[in-house]
Protein backbone atom coordinates (compact mmCIF):
# COMPACT_ATOMS: atom_id res chain seq x y z
CA MET A 1 15.71 3.41 12.62
CA ARG A 2 14.37 6.99 12.70
CA ILE A 3 11.22 7.35 10.58
CA GLY A 4 9.57 10.71 9.98
CA ILE A 5 5.88 11.45 9.40
CA LEU A 6 4.63 14.30 7.19
CA ALA A 7 1.07 15.06 6.05
CA LEU A 8 -0.56 17.77 3.94
CA LEU A 9 -4.13 17.13 2.81
CA GLN A 10 -6.66 19.29 1.02
CA GLU A 11 -8.95 18.43 -1.88
CA THR A 12 -9.13 21.46 -4.15
CA ASN A 13 -12.17 22.45 -6.18
CA THR A 14 -10.83 24.93 -8.73
CA PHE A 15 -14.35 25.96 -9.77
CA ILE A 16 -14.79 27.77 -6.44
CA ASP A 17 -13.86 31.44 -6.61
CA GLN A 18 -12.78 31.84 -2.99
CA PRO A 19 -9.29 30.64 -2.03
CA THR A 20 -8.37 28.27 0.76
CA GLU A 21 -6.36 30.25 3.31
CA LEU A 22 -4.08 29.25 6.17
CA GLU A 23 -6.88 29.88 8.64
CA GLN A 24 -8.85 26.99 7.19
CA PHE A 25 -5.97 24.60 7.85
CA GLN A 26 -5.56 25.98 11.35
CA GLU A 27 -9.27 25.48 12.05
CA ASN A 28 -9.12 21.84 10.94
CA LEU A 29 -5.62 20.40 11.48
CA PHE A 30 -2.28 22.17 11.86
CA LEU A 31 0.14 20.25 14.06
CA ARG A 32 3.87 20.20 14.66
CA GLY A 33 6.03 17.57 16.32
CA GLU A 34 4.70 15.59 19.24
CA ALA A 35 1.25 17.20 18.97
CA ILE A 36 0.73 14.92 15.96
CA ARG A 37 1.28 11.83 18.09
CA GLU A 38 -0.94 13.17 20.89
CA GLN A 39 -3.89 13.95 18.62
CA LEU A 40 -3.68 11.36 15.84
CA ALA A 41 -1.88 8.21 17.01
CA THR A 42 -5.18 6.43 17.69
CA ALA A 43 -7.19 8.05 14.87
CA ASN A 44 -8.98 6.12 12.11
CA HIS A 45 -6.77 7.99 9.69
CA GLU A 46 -3.62 7.06 7.78
CA ILE A 47 -1.52 9.08 10.22
CA GLY A 48 -2.89 6.93 13.05
CA GLY A 49 -2.04 3.92 10.88
CA PHE A 50 1.54 5.15 10.52
CA PHE A 51 1.93 5.12 14.29
CA GLY A 52 0.18 1.78 14.66
CA GLY A 53 2.23 0.05 11.95
CA LEU A 54 5.55 1.47 13.10
CA ALA A 55 4.83 0.33 16.67
CA GLU A 56 5.40 -3.22 15.37
CA GLY A 57 9.07 -2.42 14.60
CA ASP A 58 12.14 -1.37 16.52
CA CYS A 59 12.21 2.26 15.44
CA GLU A 60 11.97 5.85 16.60
CA ILE A 61 8.89 7.61 15.25
CA VAL A 62 9.59 11.27 14.42
CA PRO A 63 6.36 13.22 13.82
CA LEU A 64 7.25 16.32 11.82
CA PHE A 65 4.25 18.27 10.48
CA ALA A 66 0.61 17.55 9.66
CA ALA A 67 -1.96 19.92 8.14
CA ARG A 68 -5.40 19.39 6.68
CA ALA A 69 -8.20 21.67 5.47
CA LEU A 70 -11.70 20.79 4.36
CA PRO A 71 -12.21 20.61 0.59
CA PHE A 72 -12.61 24.10 -0.84
CA GLY A 73 -11.09 26.49 -3.37
CA THR A 74 -7.57 26.81 -4.70
CA VAL A 75 -4.93 27.25 -1.98
CA SER A 76 -3.61 30.81 -1.92
CA HIS A 77 0.02 31.52 -2.81
CA ALA A 78 0.84 32.79 0.68
CA THR A 79 -0.72 29.72 2.30
CA CYS A 80 1.21 27.36 0.01
CA GLN A 81 4.45 29.11 0.86
CA THR A 82 3.72 28.86 4.58
CA LEU A 83 2.92 25.15 4.30
CA PHE A 84 6.06 24.47 2.26
CA SER A 85 8.12 26.43 4.79
CA GLU A 86 6.66 24.37 7.64
CA ILE A 87 7.67 21.16 5.85
CA SER A 88 11.18 22.45 5.17
CA ARG A 89 11.63 23.64 8.75
CA ALA A 90 10.44 20.31 10.12
CA LEU A 91 12.91 18.42 7.93
CA ASP A 92 15.75 20.81 8.75
CA THR A 93 15.32 20.32 12.49
CA ALA A 94 14.51 16.60 12.50
CA GLY A 95 18.05 15.27 12.34
CA PRO A 96 18.99 12.25 10.21
CA LEU A 97 16.03 10.19 9.01
CA ASP A 98 16.20 6.63 7.70
CA GLY A 99 12.80 6.88 6.03
CA VAL A 100 9.75 9.16 5.78
CA LEU A 101 6.07 8.23 5.67
CA LEU A 102 4.03 10.79 3.74
CA ALA A 103 0.31 11.55 3.59
CA PRO A 104 -0.64 13.85 0.70
CA HIS A 105 -4.20 14.06 -0.55
CA GLY A 106 -3.22 14.02 -4.21
CA ALA A 107 -5.69 16.62 -5.49
CA THR A 108 -4.34 19.78 -3.86
CA VAL A 109 -4.03 22.78 -6.21
CA GLY A 110 -2.40 26.13 -5.46
CA ARG A 111 -3.01 29.47 -7.13
CA THR A 112 0.59 29.52 -8.36
CA THR A 113 1.75 25.94 -7.65
CA ARG A 114 -0.75 23.79 -9.50
CA ASP A 115 0.66 20.36 -8.55
CA VAL A 116 0.99 21.04 -4.83
CA ASP A 117 1.41 17.38 -3.89
CA GLY A 118 4.05 16.73 -6.52
CA HIS A 119 5.85 19.87 -5.39
CA TRP A 120 6.07 19.06 -1.69
CA LEU A 121 6.83 15.38 -2.24
CA SER A 122 9.70 16.39 -4.53
CA MET A 123 10.86 18.85 -1.85
CA VAL A 124 11.10 15.98 0.61
CA ARG A 125 13.00 13.86 -1.94
CA GLN A 126 15.49 16.65 -2.57
CA HIS A 127 16.01 17.10 1.16
CA VAL A 128 16.61 13.46 2.11
CA GLY A 129 18.40 12.40 -1.10
CA PRO A 130 17.83 9.49 -3.48
CA ASP A 131 18.54 6.63 -1.07
CA VAL A 132 16.16 7.34 1.84
CA PRO A 133 12.87 5.44 1.36
CA LEU A 134 9.80 7.60 0.91
CA ILE A 135 6.49 5.74 1.15
CA SER A 136 3.23 7.60 0.69
CA THR A 137 -0.46 7.07 1.12
CA ALA A 138 -2.98 8.90 -1.07
CA ASP A 139 -6.67 9.53 -1.33
CA PRO A 140 -8.08 7.58 -4.30
CA HIS A 141 -9.48 10.91 -5.50
CA ALA A 142 -5.91 11.94 -6.18
CA ASN A 143 -5.18 13.29 -9.62
CA LEU A 144 -1.93 11.36 -9.62
CA SER A 145 0.89 13.29 -11.27
CA PRO A 146 4.11 11.91 -12.74
CA LEU A 147 6.01 14.14 -10.31
CA MET A 148 4.23 12.53 -7.35
CA ALA A 149 5.06 9.05 -8.65
CA ASP A 150 8.67 9.96 -9.45
CA SER A 151 9.31 11.49 -6.02
CA VAL A 152 8.55 8.45 -3.85
CA ASP A 153 9.35 4.75 -3.74
CA ALA A 154 5.74 3.64 -3.30
CA ILE A 155 2.23 5.09 -3.09
CA ILE A 156 -0.63 3.24 -1.42
CA ALA A 157 -4.12 4.67 -2.04
CA TYR A 158 -7.10 3.94 0.17
CA ARG A 159 -8.98 0.98 -1.26
CA THR A 160 -12.49 2.06 -0.29
CA ASN A 161 -14.88 4.83 -1.27
CA PRO A 162 -16.43 5.81 1.13
CA HIS A 163 -12.95 5.91 2.67
CA ILE A 164 -13.15 3.67 5.74
CA ASP A 165 -9.76 1.94 5.43
CA GLN A 166 -7.46 4.92 5.92
CA ARG A 167 -5.89 3.59 9.11
CA ALA A 168 -5.34 0.20 7.46
CA ARG A 169 -3.55 1.82 4.52
CA GLY A 170 -1.37 3.80 6.91
CA GLU A 171 -0.47 0.56 8.66
CA GLU A 172 0.29 -1.05 5.29
CA ALA A 173 2.60 1.83 4.36
CA ALA A 174 4.37 1.63 7.73
CA ARG A 175 4.92 -2.12 7.43
CA LEU A 176 6.29 -1.69 3.92
CA MET A 177 8.67 0.96 5.27
CA LEU A 178 9.91 -1.41 7.98
CA ARG A 179 10.45 -4.20 5.46
CA THR A 180 12.29 -1.82 3.16
CA LEU A 181 14.62 -0.58 5.90
CA ARG A 182 15.34 -4.15 6.96
CA LYS A 183 16.40 -4.86 3.35
CA GLU A 184 13.67 -7.51 3.03
CA VAL A 185 12.22 -5.79 -0.06
CA ARG A 186 13.10 -2.99 -2.46
CA PRO A 187 9.97 -1.21 -3.75
CA THR A 188 9.86 -0.30 -7.44
CA MET A 189 6.77 1.44 -8.82
CA ALA A 190 5.16 2.12 -12.19
CA ALA A 191 2.05 4.14 -13.03
CA ALA A 192 -0.46 4.08 -15.89
CA PHE A 193 -2.40 7.20 -16.91
CA PRO A 194 -5.28 6.39 -19.32
CA PRO A 195 -6.71 9.70 -20.63
CA MET A 196 -10.12 9.21 -19.05
CA LEU A 197 -12.40 10.40 -16.32
CA ILE A 198 -14.40 8.20 -13.96
CA SER A 199 -17.67 10.00 -13.21
CA ILE A 200 -18.13 10.82 -9.54
CA ASP A 201 -21.42 8.89 -9.39
CA ARG A 202 -19.62 5.72 -10.57
CA GLN A 203 -16.88 5.80 -7.94
CA CYS A 204 -18.40 3.77 -5.09
CA THR A 205 -16.05 0.82 -4.57
CA THR A 206 -18.81 -1.53 -3.36
CA GLU A 207 -20.97 -0.95 -6.46
CA GLU A 208 -20.48 -1.92 -10.08
CA PRO A 209 -18.75 -0.90 -12.25
CA CYS A 210 -16.14 0.42 -9.82
CA LEU A 211 -16.21 -2.87 -7.89
CA ALA A 212 -14.90 -4.68 -10.97
CA LEU A 213 -11.90 -2.35 -11.10
CA CYS A 214 -11.24 -2.91 -7.40
CA ASN A 215 -11.37 -6.66 -7.94
CA ALA A 216 -8.84 -6.34 -10.76
CA VAL A 217 -6.49 -4.45 -8.45
CA ASP A 218 -6.94 -7.08 -5.74
CA GLU A 219 -6.03 -9.82 -8.23
CA ILE A 220 -2.84 -7.97 -9.19
CA ARG A 221 -1.97 -7.46 -5.52
CA SER A 222 -2.08 -11.23 -5.00
CA ARG A 223 0.50 -12.01 -7.71
CA PRO A 224 4.07 -13.09 -6.85
CA GLY A 225 6.51 -10.22 -6.60
CA VAL A 226 3.82 -7.55 -6.10
CA LEU A 227 4.02 -5.52 -2.90
CA THR A 228 0.91 -3.40 -3.48
CA ALA A 229 -1.28 -1.87 -6.20
CA SER A 230 -3.66 1.07 -6.21
CA LEU A 231 -6.57 2.57 -8.12
CA TYR A 232 -6.89 6.36 -8.42
CA LEU A 233 -10.43 7.41 -9.24
CA GLY A 234 -9.42 11.02 -9.88
CA PHE A 235 -11.08 14.27 -8.78
CA PRO A 236 -12.91 15.94 -11.67
CA TYR A 237 -13.30 19.30 -9.91
CA SER A 238 -9.58 20.08 -10.00
CA ASP A 239 -9.05 21.60 -13.42
CA VAL A 240 -5.40 20.61 -13.87
CA ALA A 241 -3.40 18.75 -16.50
CA GLU A 242 -3.15 15.74 -14.18
CA MET A 243 -6.91 15.37 -13.73
CA GLY A 244 -8.16 11.86 -14.35
CA ALA A 245 -7.86 8.22 -13.39
CA ALA A 246 -4.65 6.24 -12.87
CA MET A 247 -3.20 2.96 -11.60
CA THR A 248 0.05 2.15 -9.78
CA VAL A 249 1.78 -1.15 -9.10
CA VAL A 250 4.69 -1.59 -6.67
CA THR A 251 6.88 -4.65 -7.04
CA ASP A 252 9.87 -6.06 -5.18
CA ASN A 253 12.87 -4.83 -7.18
CA ASP A 254 11.27 -5.63 -10.54
CA PRO A 255 10.56 -2.43 -12.48
CA GLN A 256 9.61 -4.30 -15.65
CA LEU A 257 6.97 -6.34 -13.82
CA ALA A 258 5.62 -3.14 -12.26
CA ARG A 259 5.42 -1.55 -15.73
CA THR A 260 3.70 -4.56 -17.28
CA LEU A 261 1.10 -4.90 -14.53
CA ALA A 262 0.36 -1.16 -14.31
CA ASP A 263 -0.30 -1.18 -18.06
CA GLU A 264 -2.50 -4.27 -17.67
CA LEU A 265 -4.63 -2.47 -15.10
CA GLY A 266 -4.70 0.65 -17.24
CA GLN A 267 -6.00 -1.37 -20.17
CA GLN A 268 -8.76 -2.91 -18.04
CA MET A 269 -9.83 0.54 -16.90
CA TRP A 270 -9.74 1.88 -20.44
CA ALA A 271 -11.89 -1.01 -21.66
CA MET A 272 -14.54 -0.05 -19.07
CA ARG A 273 -14.57 3.66 -19.90
CA ASP A 274 -18.16 3.75 -21.15
CA GLU A 275 -19.47 1.98 -18.03
CA LEU A 276 -17.66 4.54 -15.89
CA THR A 277 -19.48 7.56 -17.35
CA ALA A 278 -22.30 9.36 -15.55
CA ARG A 279 -25.83 8.01 -15.12
CA LEU A 280 -27.81 11.08 -14.07
CA VAL A 281 -31.14 11.34 -12.22
CA GLY A 282 -32.80 14.77 -11.96
CA VAL A 283 -34.49 16.26 -8.89
CA GLU A 284 -38.12 15.63 -9.81
CA GLU A 285 -37.36 12.13 -11.12
CA ALA A 286 -35.49 11.34 -7.90
CA LEU A 287 -38.43 12.40 -5.74
CA ASP A 288 -40.79 10.34 -7.90
CA GLN A 289 -38.53 7.31 -7.42
CA ALA A 290 -38.21 7.92 -3.68
CA ALA A 291 -41.99 7.77 -3.28
CA GLY A 292 -41.87 4.08 -4.15
CA LEU A 293 -38.88 3.10 -2.01
CA GLU A 294 -38.56 1.96 1.58
CA GLY A 295 -37.54 4.84 3.80
CA PRO A 296 -35.67 6.63 5.04
CA VAL A 297 -34.44 7.30 1.51
CA LEU A 298 -31.00 8.91 1.33
CA LEU A 299 -30.96 11.63 -1.34
CA LEU A 300 -27.36 12.38 -2.26
CA ASP A 301 -27.11 16.03 -3.33
CA MET A 302 -24.27 15.72 -5.85
CA GLY A 303 -24.13 19.36 -6.95
CA ASP A 304 -23.63 20.54 -3.36
CA ASN A 305 -21.08 17.92 -2.33
CA VAL A 306 -19.40 19.45 0.72
CA GLY A 307 -16.72 16.76 0.61
CA GLY A 308 -15.89 18.05 -2.86
CA GLY A 309 -15.59 21.65 -1.70
CA SER A 310 -19.14 22.87 -2.33
CA ALA A 311 -21.07 25.57 -0.53
CA ALA A 312 -23.09 23.36 1.87
CA ASP A 313 -26.07 25.70 1.50
CA GLY A 314 -27.67 24.40 -1.71
CA THR A 315 -31.46 24.56 -1.57
CA VAL A 316 -32.53 22.87 -4.81
CA LEU A 317 -33.52 19.57 -3.19
CA ALA A 318 -34.89 21.20 -0.06
CA GLU A 319 -37.08 23.53 -2.13
CA ALA A 320 -38.53 20.65 -4.17
CA ILE A 321 -39.25 18.61 -1.03
CA HIS A 322 -40.81 21.62 0.70
CA ARG A 323 -42.94 22.46 -2.36
CA ARG A 324 -44.18 18.89 -2.67
CA GLN A 325 -44.54 18.47 1.11
CA ALA A 326 -42.83 15.12 0.54
CA GLY A 327 -41.58 14.81 4.11
CA PRO A 328 -41.03 14.22 6.86
CA ALA A 329 -37.59 15.17 5.54
CA PHE A 330 -34.23 16.36 6.84
CA VAL A 331 -31.62 18.68 5.31
CA CYS A 332 -28.54 20.40 6.74
CA LEU A 333 -27.65 23.88 5.48
CA TYR A 334 -24.71 26.16 6.21
CA ASP A 335 -26.23 29.50 7.17
CA PRO A 336 -24.68 31.50 10.06
CA GLU A 337 -27.22 34.31 9.57
CA ALA A 338 -30.19 31.98 10.01
CA VAL A 339 -28.52 30.36 13.04
CA ALA A 340 -28.25 33.77 14.68
CA GLN A 341 -31.92 34.54 13.94
CA ALA A 342 -33.05 31.21 15.39
CA ALA A 343 -30.88 31.69 18.46
CA ALA A 344 -32.30 35.17 19.01
CA ALA A 345 -35.85 33.80 18.79
CA GLY A 346 -35.09 30.90 21.16
CA PRO A 347 -36.36 27.30 21.43
CA GLY A 348 -40.10 26.98 20.90
CA ALA A 349 -40.41 30.26 19.01
CA GLU A 350 -41.83 30.51 15.52
CA VAL A 351 -39.65 32.50 13.13
CA ALA A 352 -39.65 33.45 9.45
CA LEU A 353 -36.34 32.48 7.84
CA ALA A 354 -34.67 32.59 4.45
CA VAL A 355 -32.35 29.60 4.69
CA GLY A 356 -29.44 28.61 2.46
CA GLY A 357 -28.63 29.82 -1.03
CA LYS A 358 -26.41 32.66 0.20
CA THR A 359 -22.87 31.63 -0.76
CA ASP A 360 -23.39 32.09 -4.51
CA SER A 361 -26.05 31.85 -7.21
CA LEU A 362 -25.12 28.32 -8.31
CA HIS A 363 -26.88 26.19 -5.72
CA GLY A 364 -30.41 27.60 -5.55
CA ARG A 365 -32.02 30.65 -3.99
CA PRO A 366 -32.68 31.14 -0.27
CA LEU A 367 -35.65 29.03 0.79
CA GLU A 368 -38.35 31.05 2.53
CA ILE A 369 -39.86 29.10 5.44
CA THR A 370 -41.79 29.70 8.63
CA ALA A 371 -40.34 27.34 11.22
CA THR A 372 -40.35 26.49 14.90
CA VAL A 373 -36.98 26.54 16.64
CA LYS A 374 -36.66 23.03 18.03
CA SER A 375 -33.20 23.23 19.65
CA LEU A 376 -29.88 25.11 19.80
CA HIS A 377 -26.42 23.54 20.12
CA ASP A 378 -22.70 24.36 20.19
CA GLY A 379 -22.14 22.20 17.09
CA ARG A 380 -19.46 19.85 18.41
CA PHE A 381 -19.86 16.12 17.91
CA GLU A 382 -17.74 12.99 17.91
CA GLU A 383 -17.58 9.94 15.61
CA PRO A 384 -15.94 6.88 17.24
CA GLU A 385 -16.32 4.56 14.23
CA ALA A 386 -14.25 4.41 11.05
CA ARG A 387 -16.07 6.69 8.65
CA HIS A 388 -15.14 8.57 5.49
CA GLY A 389 -12.23 10.90 6.25
CA GLY A 390 -11.02 8.97 9.29
CA MET A 391 -11.50 11.84 11.76
CA ARG A 392 -13.17 11.66 15.17
CA HIS A 393 -13.89 15.22 16.33
CA PHE A 394 -16.07 17.70 14.42
CA ASP A 395 -17.18 21.28 15.02
CA GLN A 396 -19.86 22.86 12.81
CA GLY A 397 -20.15 25.94 15.01
CA PRO A 398 -23.33 27.18 16.70
CA THR A 399 -26.21 25.10 15.34
CA ALA A 400 -29.99 25.43 15.24
CA VAL A 401 -32.55 22.75 14.41
CA VAL A 402 -35.85 24.13 13.07
CA THR A 403 -38.99 22.43 11.76
CA THR A 404 -41.77 23.52 9.41
CA ALA A 405 -45.45 22.61 9.60
CA GLY A 406 -45.02 20.82 6.26
CA GLY A 407 -42.60 18.29 7.73
CA LEU A 408 -39.20 19.72 6.75
CA THR A 409 -36.51 19.66 9.46
CA VAL A 410 -33.55 21.94 8.74
CA MET A 411 -30.27 21.79 10.65
CA LEU A 412 -28.60 25.19 10.33
CA THR A 413 -24.83 25.38 10.94
CA SER A 414 -22.34 28.22 11.34
CA ARG A 415 -19.56 26.30 9.60
CA ARG A 416 -19.60 24.14 6.49
CA MET A 417 -19.79 20.53 7.61
CA VAL A 418 -19.21 17.33 5.68
CA PRO A 419 -21.99 14.72 6.16
CA PHE A 420 -19.63 11.93 7.23
CA SER A 421 -21.15 11.04 10.61
CA LEU A 422 -24.61 10.08 11.79
CA HIS A 423 -23.67 11.70 15.09
CA GLN A 424 -24.17 15.01 13.30
CA LEU A 425 -27.86 14.22 13.81
CA THR A 426 -28.11 11.97 16.83
CA ASP A 427 -25.85 14.02 19.13
CA PHE A 428 -28.27 16.93 18.65
CA GLY A 429 -31.47 15.00 19.29
CA VAL A 430 -32.36 14.35 15.64
CA ASP A 431 -33.60 10.79 15.01
CA PRO A 432 -32.88 9.63 11.43
CA ALA A 433 -35.62 7.01 11.65
CA ALA A 434 -38.21 9.79 11.98
CA PHE A 435 -37.80 10.86 8.34
CA ARG A 436 -39.08 9.68 5.01
CA LEU A 437 -36.29 11.53 3.15
CA ILE A 438 -32.79 12.50 4.30
CA VAL A 439 -30.68 14.84 2.16
CA ALA A 440 -26.92 14.39 2.47
CA LYS A 441 -24.66 16.74 0.56
CA GLY A 442 -22.32 14.24 -1.04
CA VAL A 443 -22.10 11.43 -3.58
CA ASN A 444 -20.45 8.40 -2.00
CA ALA A 445 -18.82 9.60 1.22
CA PRO A 446 -22.05 9.84 3.30
CA ILE A 447 -22.98 6.22 2.58
CA ALA A 448 -20.70 4.82 5.29
CA ALA A 449 -22.57 6.85 7.91
CA TYR A 450 -26.12 6.61 6.57
CA ALA A 451 -26.32 3.07 5.16
CA PRO A 452 -27.15 1.57 8.59
CA VAL A 453 -30.36 3.64 8.76
CA CYS A 454 -31.24 4.24 5.10
CA PRO A 455 -32.26 1.12 3.15
CA SER A 456 -32.49 3.11 -0.10
CA LEU A 457 -30.41 5.81 -1.75
CA ILE A 458 -30.59 7.94 -4.89
CA ARG A 459 -27.79 10.06 -6.30
CA VAL A 460 -29.45 13.27 -7.48
CA ASN A 461 -28.11 15.45 -10.28
CA THR A 462 -28.31 18.92 -8.77
CA PRO A 463 -26.55 22.08 -9.98
CA GLY A 464 -23.42 23.51 -8.37
CA VAL A 465 -19.64 23.44 -8.35
CA THR A 466 -19.67 19.67 -7.81
CA THR A 467 -22.33 18.81 -10.38
CA ALA A 468 -22.01 15.32 -11.83
CA ASP A 469 -22.99 16.79 -15.21
CA LEU A 470 -19.51 17.93 -16.21
CA ASP A 471 -20.83 19.52 -19.40
CA GLN A 472 -21.96 22.32 -17.08
CA LEU A 473 -18.34 23.12 -16.11
CA THR A 474 -15.74 24.93 -18.24
CA TYR A 475 -12.27 23.39 -18.17
CA HIS A 476 -9.14 25.27 -19.19
CA HIS A 477 -6.25 23.05 -18.11
CA ARG A 478 -7.29 19.38 -18.45
CA ARG A 479 -5.59 16.97 -20.82
CA GLN A 480 -6.87 16.87 -24.38
CA PRO A 481 -8.07 14.61 -25.84
CA MET A 482 -9.75 12.94 -22.86
CA TYR A 483 -12.68 10.56 -22.60
CA PRO A 484 -15.63 11.21 -22.30
CA PHE A 485 -15.14 14.88 -23.20
CA GLU A 486 -13.75 13.77 -26.58
CA PRO A 487 -15.57 10.47 -27.22
CA ALA A 488 -13.24 9.46 -30.08
CA THR A 489 -10.17 9.46 -27.81
CA THR A 490 -7.87 6.48 -28.25
CA TRP A 491 -5.09 5.25 -25.96
CA SER A 492 -2.37 2.64 -25.95
CA PRO A 493 -0.22 1.85 -22.91
CA ASP A 494 2.57 0.83 -25.29
CA THR A 495 3.07 4.46 -26.33
CA GLY A 496 1.40 6.17 -23.36
CA SER A 497 -0.15 8.59 -25.83
CA ALA A 498 -3.72 9.56 -26.57
CA GLY A 499 -5.30 10.44 -29.86
CA ALA A 500 -8.69 11.38 -31.19
């Protein structure tokens, strides 16, 4: 058995003006052929899981192409065409394949190709024909499209948010592929698409109400004849027709059972729609609450969620903490200009800086501080544990750590960096236990890293391109009607239609 591996992952925030270009994939992950095996076979990522699961079978693993960019703006037309060409070339030169394991993100949007994931998955289907099994993983923040579902035999989404089970889901997909090729099972899949949005602050899979949905999926997975089932939380910052939540069920050669159970899950989700809407806490209220909690308190900066494509230089929380002198506190800001100034001054020097707030006008103004340069670093760090995103090696570029007399510690980076690893602090001599408040620019993803050191957390409603207050964003392409935008929306899985 010859089984190919293909991956293309990027979470697109269409509210960001700047495009995602090829360079951003090349900076993060852009691998062909055996380089995929060399770099990712042992990773805590679904691609590593593909290799690990396939190692249990008598097969030849054929790594084809893998690319990933950090969440950011819409992928440019030229970049999409290059990525599609890479996939086509890899398939053309691979020789006969008995099956292909696929790793899309599920919320990738192009300037001209809006459903990027549906497009490239359908390309693979057209290339290999209708009889070659295609089994896919997906990020649960996928805005699952009918074209994605129609192009593959099965999709298996990560079951955790923060995403710490990516390798396990890759292994699950690989084992299902082996069983399929051995003719032990024949996957048949159905999807349900309730016209609703799950608010980003309600998407943690270990917290209610999302936990109840996860439990419902687990119960379906345990039923006879079911091979797997998945929950798609959706990504509200991709303004596309497919935006929203979904469910899939994969059965063993029983399409009617798959349809019935997918609709059952869709109905459960729909019944919970009010519980899954936002519960927002403002900046000043959050700091008032934090004063009464055991520290360090993790303040999740939802409007500047780097894992959702945001600027990484939002200053709204940092300004409020600095003004109140509520520290000792820590915040990380993307600011190459301030890094250069701190480096020029040198460790131990006192320097006047305007930090953050430089990417746009949405995330606060530059924060004026007088700070002491504590340390300078190359910005590379490593995360050996399974954390959100499943990657091990990180590079935030030249980095400076500066401190103010009022107790604010600012890590300044030359590249946008997702707050998915505690090693982002500890590898550069920053002790999380030294702080009363820690700002992490995310909503749920940072929890896997910070929960071991932060007994308390607050999700803070800050402004920006990833604000949890979706009334602040203007949508042009989403489905209508859709709950909660149109509160009177109705839905029935029997017809698959929505009304208001």
